[in-house]
Amino acid sequence: MKVLVVTGYKPTELSIFSEEDERITYIKAAIAKRLTGFIEEGLEWVLLSGQMGIELWTAEVVFDLQADYDIKLGVIPPFENQQTRWPEALQQKYEELQLLADFFKPLYSGEYKGAYQFKARDKWLIDKSDGCLLLLHDEYPGSVKFFHEEAKHANKPYPIHLITPEDLDDIVEEIQMADPRYWE
């Protein structure tokens, strides 16, 4: 697998209302662990649409991994200026993402015109990638369910890799057990 799409929940779908929430640390650690495995197996590109939440956190993880690995980040938002209604701090992160990504180009020129742009984005990302990594809880699929459904019906063999709540529990335990204070 050379090209992987990563997506998942928006922060509010996870009841995360601050970029200082410690759960983000665990989510990013789970993403880094999975991406590192894929990179060591030949992954060259991570593709995102640049949504806030899992995708922005994934971008931060990729930027960190670039210090040790030759991995590239492509960001293909569904339309221009998707961040304009986001909180200001997240708008700044998005603008940094535009500058730092190895490739950045909105799928449609202009502002939001309709939900069809999201469906077209999902189809485009699936068409241009070899598989996906989703942070997903089957009982609470949230907005990621639309990408997941599209991926399940891809017109080609399309591996869908998941980070589940159980995976996050394992990461929390790994991080806690690595802390010497845990054993006191």
N, C-alpha and C. Protein backbone atom coordinates (compact mmCIF):
# COMPACT_ATOMS: atom_id res chain seq x y z
N MET A 1 0.85 -1.17 0.00
CA MET A 1 0.00 0.00 0.00
C MET A 1 0.90 1.24 0.00
N LYS A 2 0.71 2.07 -1.02
CA LYS A 2 1.54 3.27 -1.17
C LYS A 2 0.81 4.54 -0.70
N VAL A 3 -0.53 4.56 -0.84
CA VAL A 3 -1.31 5.75 -0.52
C VAL A 3 -2.47 5.37 0.39
N LEU A 4 -2.59 6.07 1.51
CA LEU A 4 -3.59 5.76 2.54
C LEU A 4 -4.38 7.01 2.89
N VAL A 5 -5.69 6.89 2.93
CA VAL A 5 -6.56 7.96 3.42
C VAL A 5 -6.77 7.74 4.91
N VAL A 6 -6.70 8.82 5.68
CA VAL A 6 -7.01 8.73 7.11
C VAL A 6 -8.13 9.72 7.40
N THR A 7 -9.16 9.24 8.09
CA THR A 7 -10.26 10.10 8.50
C THR A 7 -10.91 9.54 9.75
N GLY A 8 -11.85 10.28 10.27
CA GLY A 8 -12.53 9.87 11.49
C GLY A 8 -13.40 11.01 11.99
N TYR A 9 -13.56 11.05 13.28
CA TYR A 9 -14.50 11.97 13.90
C TYR A 9 -14.01 13.42 13.95
N LYS A 10 -14.98 14.31 14.02
CA LYS A 10 -14.70 15.71 14.34
C LYS A 10 -14.62 15.80 15.86
N PRO A 11 -13.96 16.82 16.40
CA PRO A 11 -13.77 16.89 17.86
C PRO A 11 -15.09 16.84 18.64
N THR A 12 -16.11 17.54 18.17
CA THR A 12 -17.37 17.57 18.91
C THR A 12 -18.04 16.20 18.96
N GLU A 13 -17.79 15.36 17.94
CA GLU A 13 -18.36 14.02 17.96
C GLU A 13 -17.71 13.15 19.03
N LEU A 14 -16.54 13.57 19.50
CA LEU A 14 -15.83 12.86 20.57
C LEU A 14 -15.96 13.60 21.91
N SER A 15 -16.81 14.63 21.93
CA SER A 15 -16.96 15.49 23.11
C SER A 15 -15.62 16.11 23.51
N ILE A 16 -14.83 16.47 22.52
CA ILE A 16 -13.56 17.16 22.74
C ILE A 16 -13.77 18.61 22.31
N PHE A 17 -13.63 19.52 23.27
CA PHE A 17 -13.91 20.92 23.00
C PHE A 17 -12.69 21.81 23.20
N SER A 18 -11.54 21.18 23.44
CA SER A 18 -10.30 21.93 23.62
C SER A 18 -9.15 21.13 23.03
N GLU A 19 -8.25 21.83 22.36
CA GLU A 19 -7.07 21.17 21.81
C GLU A 19 -6.12 20.71 22.92
N GLU A 20 -6.41 21.08 24.15
CA GLU A 20 -5.59 20.66 25.30
C GLU A 20 -6.12 19.38 25.93
N ASP A 21 -7.19 18.84 25.43
CA ASP A 21 -7.79 17.61 25.98
C ASP A 21 -6.78 16.47 25.88
N GLU A 22 -6.52 15.79 27.01
CA GLU A 22 -5.50 14.73 27.01
C GLU A 22 -5.85 13.55 26.12
N ARG A 23 -7.11 13.38 25.80
CA ARG A 23 -7.50 12.27 24.91
C ARG A 23 -6.88 12.41 23.53
N ILE A 24 -6.60 13.65 23.11
CA ILE A 24 -5.97 13.87 21.81
C ILE A 24 -4.59 13.21 21.77
N THR A 25 -3.89 13.26 22.90
CA THR A 25 -2.56 12.62 22.98
C THR A 25 -2.67 11.12 22.68
N TYR A 26 -3.68 10.48 23.23
CA TYR A 26 -3.86 9.04 23.02
C TYR A 26 -4.29 8.75 21.58
N ILE A 27 -5.17 9.58 21.04
CA ILE A 27 -5.62 9.39 19.67
C ILE A 27 -4.42 9.53 18.71
N LYS A 28 -3.63 10.57 18.92
CA LYS A 28 -2.46 10.78 18.06
C LYS A 28 -1.46 9.64 18.20
N ALA A 29 -1.30 9.10 19.40
CA ALA A 29 -0.38 7.97 19.60
C ALA A 29 -0.88 6.74 18.84
N ALA A 30 -2.19 6.52 18.85
CA ALA A 30 -2.75 5.37 18.11
C ALA A 30 -2.55 5.56 16.61
N ILE A 31 -2.76 6.76 16.12
CA ILE A 31 -2.56 7.04 14.70
C ILE A 31 -1.08 6.85 14.34
N ALA A 32 -0.19 7.38 15.16
CA ALA A 32 1.25 7.26 14.89
C ALA A 32 1.68 5.79 14.85
N LYS A 33 1.17 5.01 15.78
CA LYS A 33 1.52 3.58 15.82
C LYS A 33 1.10 2.89 14.52
N ARG A 34 -0.12 3.13 14.09
CA ARG A 34 -0.60 2.48 12.87
C ARG A 34 0.14 3.00 11.63
N LEU A 35 0.34 4.32 11.55
CA LEU A 35 1.03 4.87 10.39
C LEU A 35 2.47 4.37 10.31
N THR A 36 3.13 4.27 11.44
CA THR A 36 4.52 3.78 11.44
C THR A 36 4.58 2.37 10.86
N GLY A 37 3.65 1.54 11.24
CA GLY A 37 3.60 0.18 10.67
C GLY A 37 3.41 0.20 9.16
N PHE A 38 2.49 1.04 8.69
CA PHE A 38 2.26 1.14 7.25
C PHE A 38 3.48 1.71 6.53
N ILE A 39 4.13 2.72 7.13
CA ILE A 39 5.32 3.31 6.51
C ILE A 39 6.42 2.27 6.38
N GLU A 40 6.61 1.47 7.42
CA GLU A 40 7.65 0.44 7.38
C GLU A 40 7.34 -0.65 6.35
N GLU A 41 6.06 -0.72 5.91
CA GLU A 41 5.67 -1.68 4.87
C GLU A 41 5.62 -1.02 3.48
N GLY A 42 6.02 0.27 3.39
CA GLY A 42 6.10 0.91 2.08
C GLY A 42 5.16 2.08 1.83
N LEU A 43 4.39 2.51 2.82
CA LEU A 43 3.50 3.65 2.64
C LEU A 43 4.31 4.90 2.27
N GLU A 44 3.83 5.62 1.25
CA GLU A 44 4.52 6.83 0.79
C GLU A 44 3.71 8.11 1.02
N TRP A 45 2.39 8.02 0.93
CA TRP A 45 1.53 9.19 1.04
C TRP A 45 0.38 8.93 2.01
N VAL A 46 0.05 9.95 2.80
CA VAL A 46 -1.17 9.99 3.60
C VAL A 46 -2.03 11.08 2.99
N LEU A 47 -3.29 10.76 2.69
CA LEU A 47 -4.23 11.73 2.14
C LEU A 47 -5.29 12.07 3.16
N LEU A 48 -5.63 13.34 3.23
CA LEU A 48 -6.67 13.85 4.13
C LEU A 48 -7.52 14.85 3.37
N SER A 49 -8.71 15.14 3.91
CA SER A 49 -9.49 16.24 3.35
C SER A 49 -9.34 17.49 4.22
N GLY A 50 -8.61 17.37 5.33
CA GLY A 50 -8.32 18.53 6.16
C GLY A 50 -9.40 18.88 7.16
N GLN A 51 -10.33 17.97 7.43
CA GLN A 51 -11.36 18.25 8.43
C GLN A 51 -10.73 18.40 9.81
N MET A 52 -11.39 19.20 10.66
CA MET A 52 -10.91 19.31 12.03
C MET A 52 -11.14 17.98 12.74
N GLY A 53 -10.35 17.75 13.77
CA GLY A 53 -10.44 16.50 14.52
C GLY A 53 -9.39 15.51 14.04
N ILE A 54 -9.81 14.29 13.79
CA ILE A 54 -8.89 13.20 13.45
C ILE A 54 -7.96 13.60 12.31
N GLU A 55 -8.47 14.30 11.31
CA GLU A 55 -7.61 14.61 10.16
C GLU A 55 -6.55 15.65 10.49
N LEU A 56 -6.90 16.70 11.22
CA LEU A 56 -5.87 17.68 11.61
C LEU A 56 -4.85 17.03 12.55
N TRP A 57 -5.31 16.18 13.45
CA TRP A 57 -4.38 15.50 14.36
C TRP A 57 -3.48 14.55 13.57
N THR A 58 -4.04 13.90 12.56
CA THR A 58 -3.22 13.02 11.71
C THR A 58 -2.15 13.84 11.00
N ALA A 59 -2.49 15.02 10.52
CA ALA A 59 -1.50 15.87 9.86
C ALA A 59 -0.34 16.17 10.82
N GLU A 60 -0.66 16.47 12.07
CA GLU A 60 0.39 16.75 13.06
C GLU A 60 1.28 15.51 13.26
N VAL A 61 0.65 14.34 13.28
CA VAL A 61 1.40 13.09 13.43
C VAL A 61 2.32 12.89 12.23
N VAL A 62 1.81 13.11 11.02
CA VAL A 62 2.63 12.95 9.82
C VAL A 62 3.81 13.91 9.85
N PHE A 63 3.57 15.15 10.25
CA PHE A 63 4.68 16.12 10.32
C PHE A 63 5.74 15.63 11.30
N ASP A 64 5.32 15.05 12.42
CA ASP A 64 6.28 14.49 13.39
C ASP A 64 7.03 13.31 12.78
N LEU A 65 6.31 12.43 12.08
CA LEU A 65 6.94 11.25 11.48
C LEU A 65 7.91 11.61 10.37
N GLN A 66 7.71 12.75 9.73
CA GLN A 66 8.61 13.16 8.65
C GLN A 66 10.04 13.40 9.14
N ALA A 67 10.22 13.57 10.44
CA ALA A 67 11.57 13.72 10.98
C ALA A 67 12.37 12.42 10.84
N ASP A 68 11.66 11.27 10.82
CA ASP A 68 12.32 9.97 10.76
C ASP A 68 12.02 9.16 9.51
N TYR A 69 10.97 9.52 8.80
CA TYR A 69 10.53 8.72 7.65
C TYR A 69 10.27 9.61 6.44
N ASP A 70 10.37 8.99 5.27
CA ASP A 70 10.06 9.68 4.03
C ASP A 70 8.58 9.46 3.73
N ILE A 71 7.73 10.22 4.38
CA ILE A 71 6.29 10.12 4.20
C ILE A 71 5.76 11.49 3.79
N LYS A 72 4.85 11.49 2.84
CA LYS A 72 4.31 12.76 2.34
C LYS A 72 2.84 12.90 2.73
N LEU A 73 2.41 14.16 2.80
CA LEU A 73 1.03 14.46 3.18
C LEU A 73 0.35 15.23 2.06
N GLY A 74 -0.78 14.69 1.61
CA GLY A 74 -1.62 15.37 0.62
C GLY A 74 -2.93 15.75 1.27
N VAL A 75 -3.36 16.98 1.05
CA VAL A 75 -4.62 17.47 1.62
C VAL A 75 -5.51 17.94 0.47
N ILE A 76 -6.67 17.32 0.36
CA ILE A 76 -7.60 17.62 -0.71
C ILE A 76 -8.96 17.93 -0.08
N PRO A 77 -9.19 19.19 0.30
CA PRO A 77 -10.49 19.55 0.86
C PRO A 77 -11.56 19.52 -0.23
N PRO A 78 -12.83 19.37 0.16
CA PRO A 78 -13.89 19.31 -0.84
C PRO A 78 -14.12 20.63 -1.57
N PHE A 79 -13.79 21.76 -0.93
CA PHE A 79 -13.99 23.08 -1.51
C PHE A 79 -13.04 24.05 -0.82
N GLU A 80 -12.93 25.26 -1.35
CA GLU A 80 -12.03 26.26 -0.78
C GLU A 80 -12.61 26.81 0.53
N ASN A 81 -11.71 27.19 1.42
CA ASN A 81 -12.07 27.87 2.67
C ASN A 81 -13.02 27.09 3.56
N GLN A 82 -12.85 25.78 3.64
CA GLN A 82 -13.75 24.98 4.47
C GLN A 82 -13.64 25.34 5.95
N GLN A 83 -12.56 26.01 6.34
CA GLN A 83 -12.29 26.31 7.73
C GLN A 83 -12.94 27.61 8.22
N THR A 84 -13.63 28.34 7.36
CA THR A 84 -14.08 29.68 7.74
C THR A 84 -15.05 29.71 8.92
N ARG A 85 -15.75 28.65 9.19
CA ARG A 85 -16.70 28.63 10.32
C ARG A 85 -16.15 27.90 11.54
N TRP A 86 -14.89 27.54 11.49
CA TRP A 86 -14.27 26.83 12.60
C TRP A 86 -13.82 27.82 13.68
N PRO A 87 -13.55 27.32 14.90
CA PRO A 87 -12.94 28.18 15.92
C PRO A 87 -11.61 28.73 15.41
N GLU A 88 -11.26 29.92 15.86
CA GLU A 88 -10.08 30.61 15.33
C GLU A 88 -8.79 29.80 15.47
N ALA A 89 -8.61 29.13 16.61
CA ALA A 89 -7.38 28.34 16.82
C ALA A 89 -7.27 27.23 15.77
N LEU A 90 -8.39 26.61 15.42
CA LEU A 90 -8.38 25.55 14.42
C LEU A 90 -8.20 26.12 13.01
N GLN A 91 -8.70 27.32 12.78
CA GLN A 91 -8.46 27.97 11.49
C GLN A 91 -6.96 28.20 11.28
N GLN A 92 -6.27 28.60 12.34
CA GLN A 92 -4.82 28.81 12.25
C GLN A 92 -4.10 27.50 11.95
N LYS A 93 -4.51 26.41 12.62
CA LYS A 93 -3.89 25.10 12.34
C LYS A 93 -4.12 24.70 10.89
N TYR A 94 -5.30 24.96 10.39
CA TYR A 94 -5.62 24.61 9.00
C TYR A 94 -4.75 25.41 8.03
N GLU A 95 -4.57 26.68 8.32
CA GLU A 95 -3.75 27.52 7.45
C GLU A 95 -2.29 27.05 7.47
N GLU A 96 -1.80 26.62 8.62
CA GLU A 96 -0.45 26.04 8.70
C GLU A 96 -0.38 24.76 7.87
N LEU A 97 -1.43 23.96 7.96
CA LEU A 97 -1.50 22.71 7.21
C LEU A 97 -1.38 22.98 5.71
N GLN A 98 -2.06 24.00 5.23
CA GLN A 98 -1.99 24.36 3.82
C GLN A 98 -0.56 24.65 3.39
N LEU A 99 0.19 25.31 4.27
CA LEU A 99 1.56 25.69 3.96
C LEU A 99 2.54 24.52 4.05
N LEU A 100 2.31 23.61 5.01
CA LEU A 100 3.26 22.54 5.28
C LEU A 100 3.02 21.25 4.50
N ALA A 101 1.81 21.05 4.02
CA ALA A 101 1.49 19.82 3.29
C ALA A 101 2.34 19.73 2.02
N ASP A 102 2.67 18.51 1.63
CA ASP A 102 3.43 18.29 0.40
C ASP A 102 2.57 18.56 -0.83
N PHE A 103 1.26 18.42 -0.66
CA PHE A 103 0.32 18.71 -1.75
C PHE A 103 -0.95 19.22 -1.12
N PHE A 104 -1.48 20.31 -1.64
CA PHE A 104 -2.74 20.87 -1.14
C PHE A 104 -3.51 21.44 -2.33
N LYS A 105 -4.72 20.92 -2.56
CA LYS A 105 -5.56 21.47 -3.61
C LYS A 105 -7.01 21.08 -3.37
N PRO A 106 -7.89 22.08 -3.20
CA PRO A 106 -9.31 21.78 -3.06
C PRO A 106 -9.85 21.08 -4.31
N LEU A 107 -10.78 20.17 -4.08
CA LEU A 107 -11.39 19.42 -5.18
C LEU A 107 -12.25 20.35 -6.05
N TYR A 108 -13.01 21.25 -5.41
CA TYR A 108 -13.86 22.20 -6.13
C TYR A 108 -13.37 23.62 -5.87
N SER A 109 -13.37 24.44 -6.91
CA SER A 109 -13.06 25.86 -6.74
C SER A 109 -14.27 26.55 -6.10
N GLY A 110 -13.99 27.54 -5.28
CA GLY A 110 -15.07 28.30 -4.67
C GLY A 110 -15.49 27.71 -3.33
N GLU A 111 -16.48 28.37 -2.76
CA GLU A 111 -16.99 28.02 -1.43
C GLU A 111 -17.93 26.80 -1.51
N TYR A 112 -18.46 26.43 -0.35
CA TYR A 112 -19.41 25.32 -0.24
C TYR A 112 -20.62 25.58 -1.12
N LYS A 113 -21.00 24.56 -1.88
CA LYS A 113 -22.17 24.67 -2.76
C LYS A 113 -23.22 23.61 -2.46
N GLY A 114 -22.80 22.51 -1.85
CA GLY A 114 -23.77 21.46 -1.55
C GLY A 114 -23.12 20.19 -1.05
N ALA A 115 -23.96 19.33 -0.48
CA ALA A 115 -23.47 18.08 0.11
C ALA A 115 -22.80 17.18 -0.93
N TYR A 116 -23.14 17.38 -2.19
CA TYR A 116 -22.53 16.56 -3.25
C TYR A 116 -21.00 16.69 -3.24
N GLN A 117 -20.49 17.83 -2.74
CA GLN A 117 -19.04 18.03 -2.71
C GLN A 117 -18.37 17.04 -1.74
N PHE A 118 -19.05 16.71 -0.65
CA PHE A 118 -18.49 15.75 0.31
C PHE A 118 -18.50 14.34 -0.28
N LYS A 119 -19.57 13.99 -0.96
CA LYS A 119 -19.63 12.67 -1.59
C LYS A 119 -18.56 12.55 -2.68
N ALA A 120 -18.39 13.60 -3.47
CA ALA A 120 -17.37 13.60 -4.52
C ALA A 120 -15.98 13.51 -3.89
N ARG A 121 -15.76 14.20 -2.78
CA ARG A 121 -14.47 14.13 -2.08
C ARG A 121 -14.18 12.70 -1.67
N ASP A 122 -15.15 12.04 -1.05
CA ASP A 122 -14.94 10.66 -0.59
C ASP A 122 -14.61 9.74 -1.76
N LYS A 123 -15.37 9.86 -2.85
CA LYS A 123 -15.11 9.01 -4.03
C LYS A 123 -13.72 9.29 -4.59
N TRP A 124 -13.33 10.55 -4.66
CA TRP A 124 -12.02 10.91 -5.20
C TRP A 124 -10.91 10.33 -4.33
N LEU A 125 -11.02 10.51 -3.02
CA LEU A 125 -10.00 10.00 -2.10
C LEU A 125 -9.86 8.48 -2.21
N ILE A 126 -10.99 7.79 -2.30
CA ILE A 126 -10.96 6.33 -2.42
C ILE A 126 -10.33 5.92 -3.75
N ASP A 127 -10.69 6.63 -4.83
CA ASP A 127 -10.15 6.32 -6.15
C ASP A 127 -8.64 6.51 -6.20
N LYS A 128 -8.12 7.51 -5.49
CA LYS A 128 -6.69 7.85 -5.56
C LYS A 128 -5.83 7.15 -4.50
N SER A 129 -6.45 6.32 -3.67
CA SER A 129 -5.70 5.66 -2.59
C SER A 129 -5.80 4.14 -2.68
N ASP A 130 -4.94 3.49 -1.89
CA ASP A 130 -4.91 2.03 -1.88
C ASP A 130 -5.65 1.42 -0.70
N GLY A 131 -6.09 2.25 0.24
CA GLY A 131 -6.78 1.79 1.43
C GLY A 131 -7.01 2.97 2.35
N CYS A 132 -7.67 2.70 3.49
CA CYS A 132 -7.95 3.77 4.43
C CYS A 132 -7.76 3.30 5.87
N LEU A 133 -7.55 4.28 6.73
CA LEU A 133 -7.47 4.07 8.17
C LEU A 133 -8.52 4.98 8.79
N LEU A 134 -9.47 4.39 9.48
CA LEU A 134 -10.57 5.15 10.07
C LEU A 134 -10.57 4.98 11.58
N LEU A 135 -10.74 6.07 12.31
CA LEU A 135 -11.04 5.96 13.72
C LEU A 135 -12.55 5.86 13.78
N LEU A 136 -13.05 4.72 14.23
CA LEU A 136 -14.48 4.43 14.10
C LEU A 136 -14.95 3.51 15.22
N HIS A 137 -16.09 3.86 15.77
CA HIS A 137 -16.79 3.01 16.74
C HIS A 137 -18.09 2.61 16.04
N ASP A 138 -18.26 1.30 15.80
CA ASP A 138 -19.42 0.82 15.02
C ASP A 138 -20.77 1.27 15.58
N GLU A 139 -20.88 1.36 16.90
CA GLU A 139 -22.16 1.74 17.51
C GLU A 139 -22.44 3.23 17.42
N TYR A 140 -21.40 4.04 17.23
CA TYR A 140 -21.55 5.49 17.14
C TYR A 140 -20.75 6.01 15.94
N PRO A 141 -21.23 5.73 14.72
CA PRO A 141 -20.40 6.02 13.56
C PRO A 141 -20.20 7.50 13.25
N GLY A 142 -21.08 8.38 13.69
CA GLY A 142 -20.90 9.80 13.43
C GLY A 142 -20.77 10.09 11.95
N SER A 143 -20.14 11.20 11.62
CA SER A 143 -20.03 11.62 10.22
C SER A 143 -19.09 10.74 9.41
N VAL A 144 -18.21 9.99 10.06
CA VAL A 144 -17.29 9.12 9.33
C VAL A 144 -18.02 7.96 8.64
N LYS A 145 -19.27 7.73 9.04
CA LYS A 145 -20.05 6.64 8.43
C LYS A 145 -20.20 6.82 6.92
N PHE A 146 -20.25 8.08 6.46
CA PHE A 146 -20.43 8.32 5.02
C PHE A 146 -19.20 7.85 4.24
N PHE A 147 -18.00 8.17 4.74
CA PHE A 147 -16.78 7.70 4.08
C PHE A 147 -16.70 6.18 4.18
N HIS A 148 -17.02 5.63 5.35
CA HIS A 148 -16.95 4.19 5.57
C HIS A 148 -17.85 3.45 4.57
N GLU A 149 -19.07 3.93 4.40
CA GLU A 149 -19.99 3.28 3.45
C GLU A 149 -19.45 3.35 2.03
N GLU A 150 -18.93 4.50 1.65
CA GLU A 150 -18.35 4.66 0.31
C GLU A 150 -17.17 3.70 0.13
N ALA A 151 -16.33 3.59 1.16
CA ALA A 151 -15.16 2.71 1.09
C ALA A 151 -15.57 1.24 0.95
N LYS A 152 -16.64 0.85 1.64
CA LYS A 152 -17.11 -0.54 1.57
C LYS A 152 -17.61 -0.90 0.17
N HIS A 153 -18.01 0.11 -0.58
CA HIS A 153 -18.54 -0.13 -1.93
C HIS A 153 -17.59 0.35 -3.03
N ALA A 154 -16.32 0.42 -2.72
CA ALA A 154 -15.32 0.84 -3.70
C ALA A 154 -15.33 -0.12 -4.89
N ASN A 155 -14.98 0.38 -6.05
CA ASN A 155 -14.96 -0.42 -7.27
C ASN A 155 -13.65 -1.17 -7.45
N LYS A 156 -12.96 -1.41 -6.36
CA LYS A 156 -11.68 -2.12 -6.40
C LYS A 156 -11.45 -2.73 -5.03
N PRO A 157 -10.53 -3.67 -4.91
CA PRO A 157 -10.19 -4.16 -3.57
C PRO A 157 -9.69 -2.96 -2.74
N TYR A 158 -10.31 -2.72 -1.61
CA TYR A 158 -9.99 -1.52 -0.84
C TYR A 158 -9.96 -1.85 0.65
N PRO A 159 -8.76 -2.10 1.19
CA PRO A 159 -8.67 -2.44 2.61
C PRO A 159 -9.11 -1.27 3.51
N ILE A 160 -9.94 -1.59 4.47
CA ILE A 160 -10.41 -0.62 5.46
C ILE A 160 -9.81 -1.02 6.80
N HIS A 161 -8.88 -0.22 7.29
CA HIS A 161 -8.25 -0.47 8.58
C HIS A 161 -8.92 0.44 9.61
N LEU A 162 -9.13 -0.10 10.81
CA LEU A 162 -9.83 0.67 11.84
C LEU A 162 -8.96 0.87 13.07
N ILE A 163 -9.16 2.01 13.70
CA ILE A 163 -8.71 2.24 15.08
C ILE A 163 -10.00 2.26 15.88
N THR A 164 -10.15 1.29 16.76
CA THR A 164 -11.38 1.10 17.52
C THR A 164 -11.21 1.63 18.95
N PRO A 165 -12.30 1.73 19.69
CA PRO A 165 -12.17 2.11 21.10
C PRO A 165 -11.25 1.17 21.87
N GLU A 166 -11.24 -0.10 21.51
CA GLU A 166 -10.36 -1.06 22.18
C GLU A 166 -8.89 -0.73 21.89
N ASP A 167 -8.60 -0.33 20.65
CA ASP A 167 -7.23 0.08 20.30
C ASP A 167 -6.81 1.29 21.13
N LEU A 168 -7.73 2.23 21.30
CA LEU A 168 -7.42 3.42 22.11
C LEU A 168 -7.18 3.04 23.57
N ASP A 169 -7.99 2.10 24.08
CA ASP A 169 -7.77 1.62 25.46
C ASP A 169 -6.37 1.02 25.60
N ASP A 170 -5.95 0.24 24.60
CA ASP A 170 -4.62 -0.38 24.62
C ASP A 170 -3.53 0.69 24.63
N ILE A 171 -3.69 1.74 23.83
CA ILE A 171 -2.70 2.82 23.78
C ILE A 171 -2.63 3.54 25.12
N VAL A 172 -3.79 3.82 25.71
CA VAL A 172 -3.80 4.48 27.02
C VAL A 172 -3.03 3.64 28.03
N GLU A 173 -3.29 2.34 28.02
CA GLU A 173 -2.59 1.44 28.94
C GLU A 173 -1.09 1.41 28.67
N GLU A 174 -0.69 1.35 27.40
CA GLU A 174 0.74 1.35 27.04
C GLU A 174 1.43 2.61 27.54
N ILE A 175 0.79 3.76 27.30
CA ILE A 175 1.38 5.04 27.71
C ILE A 175 1.46 5.13 29.23
N GLN A 176 0.40 4.72 29.90
CA GLN A 176 0.40 4.78 31.37
C GLN A 176 1.45 3.85 31.96
N MET A 177 1.58 2.66 31.40
CA MET A 177 2.54 1.70 31.93
C MET A 177 3.99 2.11 31.64
N ALA A 178 4.20 2.93 30.62
CA ALA A 178 5.54 3.41 30.31
C ALA A 178 5.97 4.53 31.26
N ASP A 179 5.03 5.08 31.99
CA ASP A 179 5.32 6.16 32.94
C ASP A 179 5.76 5.53 34.26
N PRO A 180 7.00 5.81 34.71
CA PRO A 180 7.48 5.21 35.96
C PRO A 180 6.57 5.51 37.17
N ARG A 181 5.88 6.65 37.12
CA ARG A 181 4.98 7.00 38.24
C ARG A 181 3.80 6.02 38.33
N TYR A 182 3.50 5.36 37.22
CA TYR A 182 2.40 4.39 37.21
C TYR A 182 2.66 3.26 38.17
N TRP A 183 3.94 2.91 38.33
CA TRP A 183 4.33 1.75 39.12
C TRP A 183 4.59 2.09 40.58
N GLU A 184 4.48 3.34 40.94
CA GLU A 184 4.73 3.73 42.35
C GLU A 184 3.54 3.44 43.23
